Amino acid sequence: MQQHTTTQRMTNPAYLLPDAGTAIQSLVKATRQGGVAESILELVHLRASQINGCGFCVDYGAKGARKAGVSDEKLFAVAAWRETPYFTDEERAALALAEHATRLADTSDAVPDPVWDAAADHFDEKQLAAIVLMVSLTNLFNRLNVTVRQPAGVAI
């Protein structure tokens, strides 16, 4: 079996291009203005990062979720959230939305109405905006970090 290298290819583009980093940090700050619990935003970030295989973001996301008060039970089970009793209906709706918005190419109706409607039952429009923005930013982070092989556990 071939060993995968985690040697970083280059400086992360968000830090190499100063205006990019500043813009991204402004968007991250905006996600916190929607009234969604920090723990839910962190769970959404963690789940999208798991789907995309971003080791840096999974590591960072798990630490952020724990800091936001997410229990170890939830952290250990987030990849299998549907099959565990640990998540609230609100968290499940956010996680389902995150998964569908991350897997856009998997189906022609990437975010079907039942998924959207379930999220809309728990979150108002401003909160939905924060979740959608968080999922989108997470996918951006994942693509940057996976491409340059940003190592997990290393501060950038």
C-alpha atoms as a PDB file:
ATOM      1  CA  MET A   1       0.000   0.000   0.000  1.00  0.00           C
ATOM      2  CA  GLN A   2       1.336   3.413  -0.962  1.00  0.00           C
ATOM      3  CA  GLN A   3       1.972   5.855   1.869  1.00  0.00           C
ATOM      4  CA  HIS A   4       0.285   9.249   1.428  1.00  0.00           C
ATOM      5  CA  THR A   5       2.560  12.177   2.092  1.00  0.00           C
ATOM      6  CA  THR A   6       1.367  15.151   4.085  1.00  0.00           C
ATOM      7  CA  THR A   7       4.251  17.388   3.099  1.00  0.00           C
ATOM      8  CA  GLN A   8       2.875  20.846   2.488  1.00  0.00           C
ATOM      9  CA  ARG A   9       3.258  21.899  -1.147  1.00  0.00           C
ATOM     10  CA  MET A  10       3.231  25.658  -0.636  1.00  0.00           C
ATOM     11  CA  THR A  11       2.104  28.395   1.708  1.00  0.00           C
ATOM     12  CA  ASN A  12      -1.647  28.444   2.016  1.00  0.00           C
ATOM     13  CA  PRO A  13      -3.041  30.834  -0.658  1.00  0.00           C
ATOM     14  CA  ALA A  14      -5.198  32.600   1.936  1.00  0.00           C
ATOM     15  CA  TYR A  15      -1.996  33.687   3.682  1.00  0.00           C
ATOM     16  CA  LEU A  16       0.149  34.153   0.611  1.00  0.00           C
ATOM     17  CA  LEU A  17      -2.332  36.648  -0.851  1.00  0.00           C
ATOM     18  CA  PRO A  18      -3.109  39.066   2.011  1.00  0.00           C
ATOM     19  CA  ASP A  19      -6.355  40.410   0.552  1.00  0.00           C
ATOM     20  CA  ALA A  20      -7.708  36.859   0.285  1.00  0.00           C
ATOM     21  CA  GLY A  21      -7.042  36.120   3.943  1.00  0.00           C
ATOM     22  CA  THR A  22      -8.657  39.367   5.044  1.00  0.00           C
ATOM     23  CA  ALA A  23     -11.733  38.742   2.902  1.00  0.00           C
ATOM     24  CA  ILE A  24     -12.092  35.172   4.143  1.00  0.00           C
ATOM     25  CA  GLN A  25     -11.812  36.239   7.787  1.00  0.00           C
ATOM     26  CA  SER A  26     -14.525  38.855   7.181  1.00  0.00           C
ATOM     27  CA  LEU A  27     -16.801  36.137   5.811  1.00  0.00           C
ATOM     28  CA  VAL A  28     -16.070  33.885   8.790  1.00  0.00           C
ATOM     29  CA  LYS A  29     -17.020  36.760  11.093  1.00  0.00           C
ATOM     30  CA  ALA A  30     -20.250  37.225   9.122  1.00  0.00           C
ATOM     31  CA  THR A  31     -21.311  33.628   9.803  1.00  0.00           C
ATOM     32  CA  ARG A  32     -21.385  34.508  13.496  1.00  0.00           C
ATOM     33  CA  GLN A  33     -23.921  37.289  12.858  1.00  0.00           C
ATOM     34  CA  GLY A  34     -26.807  35.007  11.879  1.00  0.00           C
ATOM     35  CA  GLY A  35     -27.860  33.914  15.330  1.00  0.00           C
ATOM     36  CA  VAL A  36     -26.913  30.242  14.898  1.00  0.00           C
ATOM     37  CA  ALA A  37     -25.367  28.520  17.898  1.00  0.00           C
ATOM     38  CA  GLU A  38     -21.596  28.302  17.568  1.00  0.00           C
ATOM     39  CA  SER A  39     -21.821  24.576  18.264  1.00  0.00           C
ATOM     40  CA  ILE A  40     -24.034  24.034  15.207  1.00  0.00           C
ATOM     41  CA  LEU A  41     -21.743  26.058  12.959  1.00  0.00           C
ATOM     42  CA  GLU A  42     -18.806  23.992  14.191  1.00  0.00           C
ATOM     43  CA  LEU A  43     -20.649  20.703  13.590  1.00  0.00           C
ATOM     44  CA  VAL A  44     -21.509  21.834  10.056  1.00  0.00           C
ATOM     45  CA  HIS A  45     -17.868  22.750   9.444  1.00  0.00           C
ATOM     46  CA  LEU A  46     -16.656  19.434  10.809  1.00  0.00           C
ATOM     47  CA  ARG A  47     -19.087  17.331   8.764  1.00  0.00           C
ATOM     48  CA  ALA A  48     -18.346  19.092   5.458  1.00  0.00           C
ATOM     49  CA  SER A  49     -14.621  18.742   6.159  1.00  0.00           C
ATOM     50  CA  GLN A  50     -15.022  15.012   6.804  1.00  0.00           C
ATOM     51  CA  ILE A  51     -16.834  14.588   3.495  1.00  0.00           C
ATOM     52  CA  ASN A  52     -14.082  16.447   1.652  1.00  0.00           C
ATOM     53  CA  GLY A  53     -11.267  14.591   3.400  1.00  0.00           C
ATOM     54  CA  CYS A  54      -9.562  17.717   4.710  1.00  0.00           C
ATOM     55  CA  GLY A  55      -7.400  16.537   7.592  1.00  0.00           C
ATOM     56  CA  PHE A  56      -6.454  20.061   8.624  1.00  0.00           C
ATOM     57  CA  CYS A  57     -10.098  21.182   8.794  1.00  0.00           C
ATOM     58  CA  VAL A  58     -11.285  18.007  10.543  1.00  0.00           C
ATOM     59  CA  ASP A  59      -8.632  18.525  13.223  1.00  0.00           C
ATOM     60  CA  TYR A  60      -9.363  22.252  13.483  1.00  0.00           C
ATOM     61  CA  GLY A  61     -13.119  21.656  13.370  1.00  0.00           C
ATOM     62  CA  ALA A  62     -13.102  19.042  16.120  1.00  0.00           C
ATOM     63  CA  LYS A  63     -11.121  21.385  18.368  1.00  0.00           C
ATOM     64  CA  GLY A  64     -13.439  24.287  17.545  1.00  0.00           C
ATOM     65  CA  ALA A  65     -16.521  22.174  18.201  1.00  0.00           C
ATOM     66  CA  ARG A  66     -15.190  21.041  21.562  1.00  0.00           C
ATOM     67  CA  LYS A  67     -14.410  24.677  22.454  1.00  0.00           C
ATOM     68  CA  ALA A  68     -17.997  25.584  21.481  1.00  0.00           C
ATOM     69  CA  GLY A  69     -19.294  23.000  23.944  1.00  0.00           C
ATOM     70  CA  VAL A  70     -19.960  20.037  21.653  1.00  0.00           C
ATOM     71  CA  SER A  71     -19.805  16.808  23.673  1.00  0.00           C
ATOM     72  CA  ASP A  72     -17.326  14.043  22.922  1.00  0.00           C
ATOM     73  CA  GLU A  73     -20.282  11.766  22.097  1.00  0.00           C
ATOM     74  CA  LYS A  74     -21.300  14.098  19.273  1.00  0.00           C
ATOM     75  CA  LEU A  75     -17.731  14.658  18.108  1.00  0.00           C
ATOM     76  CA  PHE A  76     -17.092  10.933  17.856  1.00  0.00           C
ATOM     77  CA  ALA A  77     -20.410  10.314  16.085  1.00  0.00           C
ATOM     78  CA  VAL A  78     -20.741  13.251  13.697  1.00  0.00           C
ATOM     79  CA  ALA A  79     -19.751  11.154  10.661  1.00  0.00           C
ATOM     80  CA  ALA A  80     -22.642   8.808  11.507  1.00  0.00           C
ATOM     81  CA  TRP A  81     -25.061  11.367  12.915  1.00  0.00           C
ATOM     82  CA  ARG A  82     -28.120   9.733  11.342  1.00  0.00           C
ATOM     83  CA  GLU A  83     -27.486   6.477  13.207  1.00  0.00           C
ATOM     84  CA  THR A  84     -26.917   7.933  16.670  1.00  0.00           C
ATOM     85  CA  PRO A  85     -29.251   9.424  19.293  1.00  0.00           C
ATOM     86  CA  TYR A  86     -26.941  12.291  20.258  1.00  0.00           C
ATOM     87  CA  PHE A  87     -28.107  15.047  17.904  1.00  0.00           C
ATOM     88  CA  THR A  88     -31.092  17.359  18.226  1.00  0.00           C
ATOM     89  CA  ASP A  89     -33.562  17.806  15.380  1.00  0.00           C
ATOM     90  CA  GLU A  90     -32.079  21.250  14.787  1.00  0.00           C
ATOM     91  CA  GLU A  91     -28.544  19.842  14.524  1.00  0.00           C
ATOM     92  CA  ARG A  92     -29.753  17.059  12.220  1.00  0.00           C
ATOM     93  CA  ALA A  93     -31.393  19.577   9.898  1.00  0.00           C
ATOM     94  CA  ALA A  94     -28.187  21.638   9.753  1.00  0.00           C
ATOM     95  CA  LEU A  95     -26.030  18.551   9.168  1.00  0.00           C
ATOM     96  CA  ALA A  96     -28.292  17.303   6.374  1.00  0.00           C
ATOM     97  CA  LEU A  97     -28.172  20.706   4.693  1.00  0.00           C
ATOM     98  CA  ALA A  98     -24.379  20.777   5.052  1.00  0.00           C
ATOM     99  CA  GLU A  99     -24.002  17.337   3.497  1.00  0.00           C
ATOM    100  CA  HIS A 100     -26.228  18.114   0.534  1.00  0.00           C
ATOM    101  CA  ALA A 101     -24.654  21.531  -0.085  1.00  0.00           C
ATOM    102  CA  THR A 102     -21.209  19.912   0.024  1.00  0.00           C
ATOM    103  CA  ARG A 103     -22.048  17.046  -2.342  1.00  0.00           C
ATOM    104  CA  LEU A 104     -23.388  19.211  -5.159  1.00  0.00           C
ATOM    105  CA  ALA A 105     -22.277  16.897  -7.974  1.00  0.00           C
ATOM    106  CA  ASP A 106     -23.844  13.751  -6.501  1.00  0.00           C
ATOM    107  CA  THR A 107     -27.334  14.403  -7.867  1.00  0.00           C
ATOM    108  CA  SER A 108     -29.159  16.759 -10.190  1.00  0.00           C
ATOM    109  CA  ASP A 109     -31.205  18.120  -7.266  1.00  0.00           C
ATOM    110  CA  ALA A 110     -28.305  18.735  -4.899  1.00  0.00           C
ATOM    111  CA  VAL A 111     -30.338  20.299  -2.100  1.00  0.00           C
ATOM    112  CA  PRO A 112     -33.829  18.824  -2.427  1.00  0.00           C
ATOM    113  CA  ASP A 113     -36.854  20.618  -1.010  1.00  0.00           C
ATOM    114  CA  PRO A 114     -37.351  18.204   1.921  1.00  0.00           C
ATOM    115  CA  VAL A 115     -33.787  18.903   3.132  1.00  0.00           C
ATOM    116  CA  TRP A 116     -34.231  22.646   2.737  1.00  0.00           C
ATOM    117  CA  ASP A 117     -37.688  22.601   4.310  1.00  0.00           C
ATOM    118  CA  ALA A 118     -36.429  20.655   7.338  1.00  0.00           C
ATOM    119  CA  ALA A 119     -33.721  23.256   7.864  1.00  0.00           C
ATOM    120  CA  ALA A 120     -36.226  26.086   7.368  1.00  0.00           C
ATOM    121  CA  ASP A 121     -38.429  24.538  10.061  1.00  0.00           C
ATOM    122  CA  HIS A 122     -35.636  25.118  12.586  1.00  0.00           C
ATOM    123  CA  PHE A 123     -33.863  28.229  11.315  1.00  0.00           C
ATOM    124  CA  ASP A 124     -35.047  31.618  10.090  1.00  0.00           C
ATOM    125  CA  GLU A 125     -33.719  33.172   6.889  1.00  0.00           C
ATOM    126  CA  LYS A 126     -30.816  34.954   8.579  1.00  0.00           C
ATOM    127  CA  GLN A 127     -29.789  31.753  10.340  1.00  0.00           C
ATOM    128  CA  LEU A 128     -30.059  29.784   7.099  1.00  0.00           C
ATOM    129  CA  ALA A 129     -27.836  32.393   5.468  1.00  0.00           C
ATOM    130  CA  ALA A 130     -25.210  31.841   8.190  1.00  0.00           C
ATOM    131  CA  ILE A 131     -25.337  28.058   7.764  1.00  0.00           C
ATOM    132  CA  VAL A 132     -25.146  28.220   3.958  1.00  0.00           C
ATOM    133  CA  LEU A 133     -22.258  30.674   4.182  1.00  0.00           C
ATOM    134  CA  MET A 134     -20.475  28.446   6.721  1.00  0.00           C
ATOM    135  CA  VAL A 135     -20.850  25.391   4.472  1.00  0.00           C
ATOM    136  CA  SER A 136     -19.596  27.380   1.487  1.00  0.00           C
ATOM    137  CA  LEU A 137     -16.597  28.717   3.404  1.00  0.00           C
ATOM    138  CA  THR A 138     -15.805  25.264   4.719  1.00  0.00           C
ATOM    139  CA  ASN A 139     -15.770  23.933   1.174  1.00  0.00           C
ATOM    140  CA  LEU A 140     -13.421  26.789   0.236  1.00  0.00           C
ATOM    141  CA  PHE A 141     -11.138  25.980   3.179  1.00  0.00           C
ATOM    142  CA  ASN A 142     -11.202  22.283   2.298  1.00  0.00           C
ATOM    143  CA  ARG A 143     -10.248  22.922  -1.314  1.00  0.00           C
ATOM    144  CA  LEU A 144      -7.402  25.245  -0.358  1.00  0.00           C
ATOM    145  CA  ASN A 145      -6.030  22.960   2.349  1.00  0.00           C
ATOM    146  CA  VAL A 146      -6.357  19.668   0.476  1.00  0.00           C
ATOM    147  CA  THR A 147      -4.752  21.132  -2.654  1.00  0.00           C
ATOM    148  CA  VAL A 148      -1.697  22.493  -0.845  1.00  0.00           C
ATOM    149  CA  ARG A 149      -1.642  19.555   1.609  1.00  0.00           C
ATOM    150  CA  GLN A 150      -1.949  21.745   4.678  1.00  0.00           C
ATOM    151  CA  PRO A 151      -0.893  19.434   7.525  1.00  0.00           C
ATOM    152  CA  ALA A 152      -3.333  18.780  10.346  1.00  0.00           C
ATOM    153  CA  GLY A 153      -2.354  20.117  13.744  1.00  0.00           C
ATOM    154  CA  VAL A 154      -0.040  22.782  12.336  1.00  0.00           C
ATOM    155  CA  ALA A 155      -0.933  26.432  12.898  1.00  0.00           C
ATOM    156  CA  ILE A 156      -1.172  28.514   9.738  1.00  0.00           C
END
